[in-house]
């Protein structure tokens, strides 16, 4: 993924977590506001579906309005239904290496153009 983001020229810092629990702990501690979360469904300790549920039902984390997009190889109708039932903003199938750049560009370009709560500067 790092290579894809570098190839696209996205200089934003990126964080990668070995499991869903580590990501959740980070999001609870940080004051940073991530641009988006790309999550696999199949994560150790806390899978992507449960991570999304926790983010969506935790009042403080829910207020951060971080777009949550599944990017996974786990593709079947149940997985897609389960993902959207957690109020995810997208579900993308991890493509072959050749298509990674196109898919990531599509996701990032969409969220850069989208009028989302986090796209506004804070006014004091």
C-alpha atoms as a PDB file:
ATOM      1  CA  UNK A   1       0.000   0.000   0.000  1.00  0.00           C
ATOM      2  CA  UNK A   2       2.834   2.369   0.820  1.00  0.00           C
ATOM      3  CA  UNK A   3       4.230   1.950  -2.685  1.00  0.00           C
ATOM      4  CA  UNK A   4       0.844   2.740  -4.208  1.00  0.00           C
ATOM      5  CA  UNK A   5       0.439   5.914  -2.171  1.00  0.00           C
ATOM      6  CA  UNK A   6       3.988   6.971  -3.031  1.00  0.00           C
ATOM      7  CA  UNK A   7       3.429   6.274  -6.721  1.00  0.00           C
ATOM      8  CA  UNK A   8       0.344   8.485  -6.612  1.00  0.00           C
ATOM      9  CA  UNK A   9       2.346  11.273  -4.960  1.00  0.00           C
ATOM     10  CA  UNK A  10       0.251  11.364  -1.780  1.00  0.00           C
ATOM     11  CA  UNK A  11       2.558  12.820   0.822  1.00  0.00           C
ATOM     12  CA  UNK A  12       0.146  12.564   3.743  1.00  0.00           C
ATOM     13  CA  UNK A  13       1.472  10.539   6.633  1.00  0.00           C
ATOM     14  CA  UNK A  14       0.007   7.064   6.782  1.00  0.00           C
ATOM     15  CA  UNK A  15      -0.320   4.709   9.684  1.00  0.00           C
ATOM     16  CA  UNK A  16      -0.608   0.947   9.432  1.00  0.00           C
ATOM     17  CA  UNK A  17      -1.811  -1.245  12.265  1.00  0.00           C
ATOM     18  CA  UNK A  18      -1.240  -4.986  12.707  1.00  0.00           C
ATOM     19  CA  UNK A  19      -4.775  -5.517  14.015  1.00  0.00           C
ATOM     20  CA  UNK A  20      -8.076  -3.778  14.641  1.00  0.00           C
ATOM     21  CA  UNK A  21      -7.495  -3.415  18.365  1.00  0.00           C
ATOM     22  CA  UNK A  22      -4.289  -1.408  17.825  1.00  0.00           C
ATOM     23  CA  UNK A  23      -6.130   0.901  15.424  1.00  0.00           C
ATOM     24  CA  UNK A  24      -8.938   1.417  17.921  1.00  0.00           C
ATOM     25  CA  UNK A  25      -6.498   2.181  20.734  1.00  0.00           C
ATOM     26  CA  UNK A  26      -4.699   4.717  18.535  1.00  0.00           C
ATOM     27  CA  UNK A  27      -7.953   6.441  17.575  1.00  0.00           C
ATOM     28  CA  UNK A  28      -8.917   6.727  21.237  1.00  0.00           C
ATOM     29  CA  UNK A  29      -5.572   8.325  22.171  1.00  0.00           C
ATOM     30  CA  UNK A  30      -4.857  10.649  19.272  1.00  0.00           C
ATOM     31  CA  UNK A  31      -6.085  14.151  18.656  1.00  0.00           C
ATOM     32  CA  UNK A  32      -5.225  13.689  14.971  1.00  0.00           C
ATOM     33  CA  UNK A  33      -8.120  13.527  12.564  1.00  0.00           C
ATOM     34  CA  UNK A  34      -7.451  10.900   9.895  1.00  0.00           C
ATOM     35  CA  UNK A  35      -8.523  11.715   6.351  1.00  0.00           C
ATOM     36  CA  UNK A  36      -9.966   8.211   5.974  1.00  0.00           C
ATOM     37  CA  UNK A  37      -9.654   4.659   7.217  1.00  0.00           C
ATOM     38  CA  UNK A  38      -9.012   1.830   4.770  1.00  0.00           C
ATOM     39  CA  UNK A  39      -9.787  -1.411   6.554  1.00  0.00           C
ATOM     40  CA  UNK A  40      -9.713  -5.066   5.704  1.00  0.00           C
ATOM     41  CA  UNK A  41     -12.577  -7.161   7.030  1.00  0.00           C
ATOM     42  CA  UNK A  42     -10.212  -9.896   8.165  1.00  0.00           C
ATOM     43  CA  UNK A  43      -8.130  -8.362  10.948  1.00  0.00           C
ATOM     44  CA  UNK A  44      -6.698 -10.139  13.987  1.00  0.00           C
ATOM     45  CA  UNK A  45      -7.908  -9.377  17.528  1.00  0.00           C
ATOM     46  CA  UNK A  46     -10.747  -7.123  16.343  1.00  0.00           C
ATOM     47  CA  UNK A  47     -12.000  -7.657  12.805  1.00  0.00           C
ATOM     48  CA  UNK A  48     -12.851  -4.776  10.491  1.00  0.00           C
ATOM     49  CA  UNK A  49     -16.604  -5.123  11.020  1.00  0.00           C
ATOM     50  CA  UNK A  50     -16.308  -4.966  14.796  1.00  0.00           C
ATOM     51  CA  UNK A  51     -13.812  -2.091  14.572  1.00  0.00           C
ATOM     52  CA  UNK A  52     -16.301  -0.123  12.457  1.00  0.00           C
ATOM     53  CA  UNK A  53     -19.130  -0.891  14.890  1.00  0.00           C
ATOM     54  CA  UNK A  54     -17.029   0.383  17.792  1.00  0.00           C
ATOM     55  CA  UNK A  55     -16.110   3.571  15.932  1.00  0.00           C
ATOM     56  CA  UNK A  56     -19.716   4.134  14.942  1.00  0.00           C
ATOM     57  CA  UNK A  57     -21.185   3.547  18.419  1.00  0.00           C
ATOM     58  CA  UNK A  58     -18.512   5.337  20.475  1.00  0.00           C
ATOM     59  CA  UNK A  59     -19.779   8.905  20.881  1.00  0.00           C
ATOM     60  CA  UNK A  60     -16.338  10.556  20.900  1.00  0.00           C
ATOM     61  CA  UNK A  61     -15.023   8.580  17.930  1.00  0.00           C
ATOM     62  CA  UNK A  62     -18.252   8.929  15.982  1.00  0.00           C
ATOM     63  CA  UNK A  63     -17.980  12.720  16.219  1.00  0.00           C
ATOM     64  CA  UNK A  64     -14.673  12.567  14.352  1.00  0.00           C
ATOM     65  CA  UNK A  65     -16.651  11.588  11.212  1.00  0.00           C
ATOM     66  CA  UNK A  66     -13.758   9.620   9.706  1.00  0.00           C
ATOM     67  CA  UNK A  67     -14.744   7.989   6.405  1.00  0.00           C
ATOM     68  CA  UNK A  68     -14.495   4.204   6.829  1.00  0.00           C
ATOM     69  CA  UNK A  69     -13.886   2.224   3.669  1.00  0.00           C
ATOM     70  CA  UNK A  70     -13.458  -1.520   3.443  1.00  0.00           C
ATOM     71  CA  UNK A  71     -10.617  -2.589   1.160  1.00  0.00           C
ATOM     72  CA  UNK A  72     -10.577  -6.359   1.271  1.00  0.00           C
ATOM     73  CA  UNK A  73     -10.339  -9.672  -0.524  1.00  0.00           C
ATOM     74  CA  UNK A  74     -13.255 -11.026   1.543  1.00  0.00           C
ATOM     75  CA  UNK A  75     -15.938 -10.724  -1.083  1.00  0.00           C
ATOM     76  CA  UNK A  76     -19.313 -12.334  -0.841  1.00  0.00           C
ATOM     77  CA  UNK A  77     -22.824 -10.975  -0.465  1.00  0.00           C
ATOM     78  CA  UNK A  78     -22.869 -11.476   3.311  1.00  0.00           C
ATOM     79  CA  UNK A  79     -19.591  -9.576   3.759  1.00  0.00           C
ATOM     80  CA  UNK A  80     -20.911  -6.645   1.713  1.00  0.00           C
ATOM     81  CA  UNK A  81     -24.239  -6.587   3.587  1.00  0.00           C
ATOM     82  CA  UNK A  82     -22.433  -6.806   6.936  1.00  0.00           C
ATOM     83  CA  UNK A  83     -20.087  -3.989   5.931  1.00  0.00           C
ATOM     84  CA  UNK A  84     -22.841  -1.602   4.903  1.00  0.00           C
ATOM     85  CA  UNK A  85     -24.863  -2.495   8.005  1.00  0.00           C
ATOM     86  CA  UNK A  86     -22.030  -0.902  10.006  1.00  0.00           C
ATOM     87  CA  UNK A  87     -22.572   2.392   8.139  1.00  0.00           C
ATOM     88  CA  UNK A  88     -19.402   2.055   6.108  1.00  0.00           C
ATOM     89  CA  UNK A  89     -18.903   4.587   3.338  1.00  0.00           C
ATOM     90  CA  UNK A  90     -17.576   2.106   0.808  1.00  0.00           C
ATOM     91  CA  UNK A  91     -16.579  -1.451   0.034  1.00  0.00           C
ATOM     92  CA  UNK A  92     -13.817  -2.118  -2.467  1.00  0.00           C
ATOM     93  CA  UNK A  93     -12.317  -5.415  -3.509  1.00  0.00           C
ATOM     94  CA  UNK A  94      -8.536  -5.455  -3.349  1.00  0.00           C
ATOM     95  CA  UNK A  95      -7.576  -5.697  -6.985  1.00  0.00           C
ATOM     96  CA  UNK A  96      -4.529  -7.273  -8.513  1.00  0.00           C
ATOM     97  CA  UNK A  97      -1.353  -5.246  -8.006  1.00  0.00           C
ATOM     98  CA  UNK A  98      -1.820  -3.591 -11.395  1.00  0.00           C
ATOM     99  CA  UNK A  99      -5.196  -2.138 -10.387  1.00  0.00           C
ATOM    100  CA  UNK A 100      -4.217  -0.946  -6.875  1.00  0.00           C
ATOM    101  CA  UNK A 101      -3.174   2.496  -8.098  1.00  0.00           C
ATOM    102  CA  UNK A 102      -6.414   3.075 -10.000  1.00  0.00           C
ATOM    103  CA  UNK A 103      -8.606   1.987  -7.074  1.00  0.00           C
ATOM    104  CA  UNK A 104      -6.739   4.002  -4.434  1.00  0.00           C
ATOM    105  CA  UNK A 105      -6.767   7.083  -6.683  1.00  0.00           C
ATOM    106  CA  UNK A 106     -10.530   6.690  -7.110  1.00  0.00           C
ATOM    107  CA  UNK A 107     -11.104   6.419  -3.347  1.00  0.00           C
ATOM    108  CA  UNK A 108      -8.864   9.348  -2.395  1.00  0.00           C
ATOM    109  CA  UNK A 109     -10.100  11.607  -5.198  1.00  0.00           C
ATOM    110  CA  UNK A 110     -13.697  10.967  -4.172  1.00  0.00           C
ATOM    111  CA  UNK A 111     -13.060  11.883  -0.527  1.00  0.00           C
ATOM    112  CA  UNK A 112     -11.013  14.940  -1.497  1.00  0.00           C
ATOM    113  CA  UNK A 113     -14.010  16.223  -3.504  1.00  0.00           C
ATOM    114  CA  UNK A 114     -16.738  15.101  -1.117  1.00  0.00           C
ATOM    115  CA  UNK A 115     -18.341  17.669   1.190  1.00  0.00           C
ATOM    116  CA  UNK A 116     -17.669  15.809   4.435  1.00  0.00           C
ATOM    117  CA  UNK A 117     -17.639  17.285   7.968  1.00  0.00           C
ATOM    118  CA  UNK A 118     -13.853  16.974   8.187  1.00  0.00           C
ATOM    119  CA  UNK A 119     -13.245  18.927   4.980  1.00  0.00           C
ATOM    120  CA  UNK A 120     -13.972  22.260   6.669  1.00  0.00           C
ATOM    121  CA  UNK A 121     -11.521  24.318   8.640  1.00  0.00           C
ATOM    122  CA  UNK A 122     -12.349  24.742  12.299  1.00  0.00           C
ATOM    123  CA  UNK A 123     -13.581  28.232  13.075  1.00  0.00           C
ATOM    124  CA  UNK A 124     -12.824  29.490  16.577  1.00  0.00           C
END
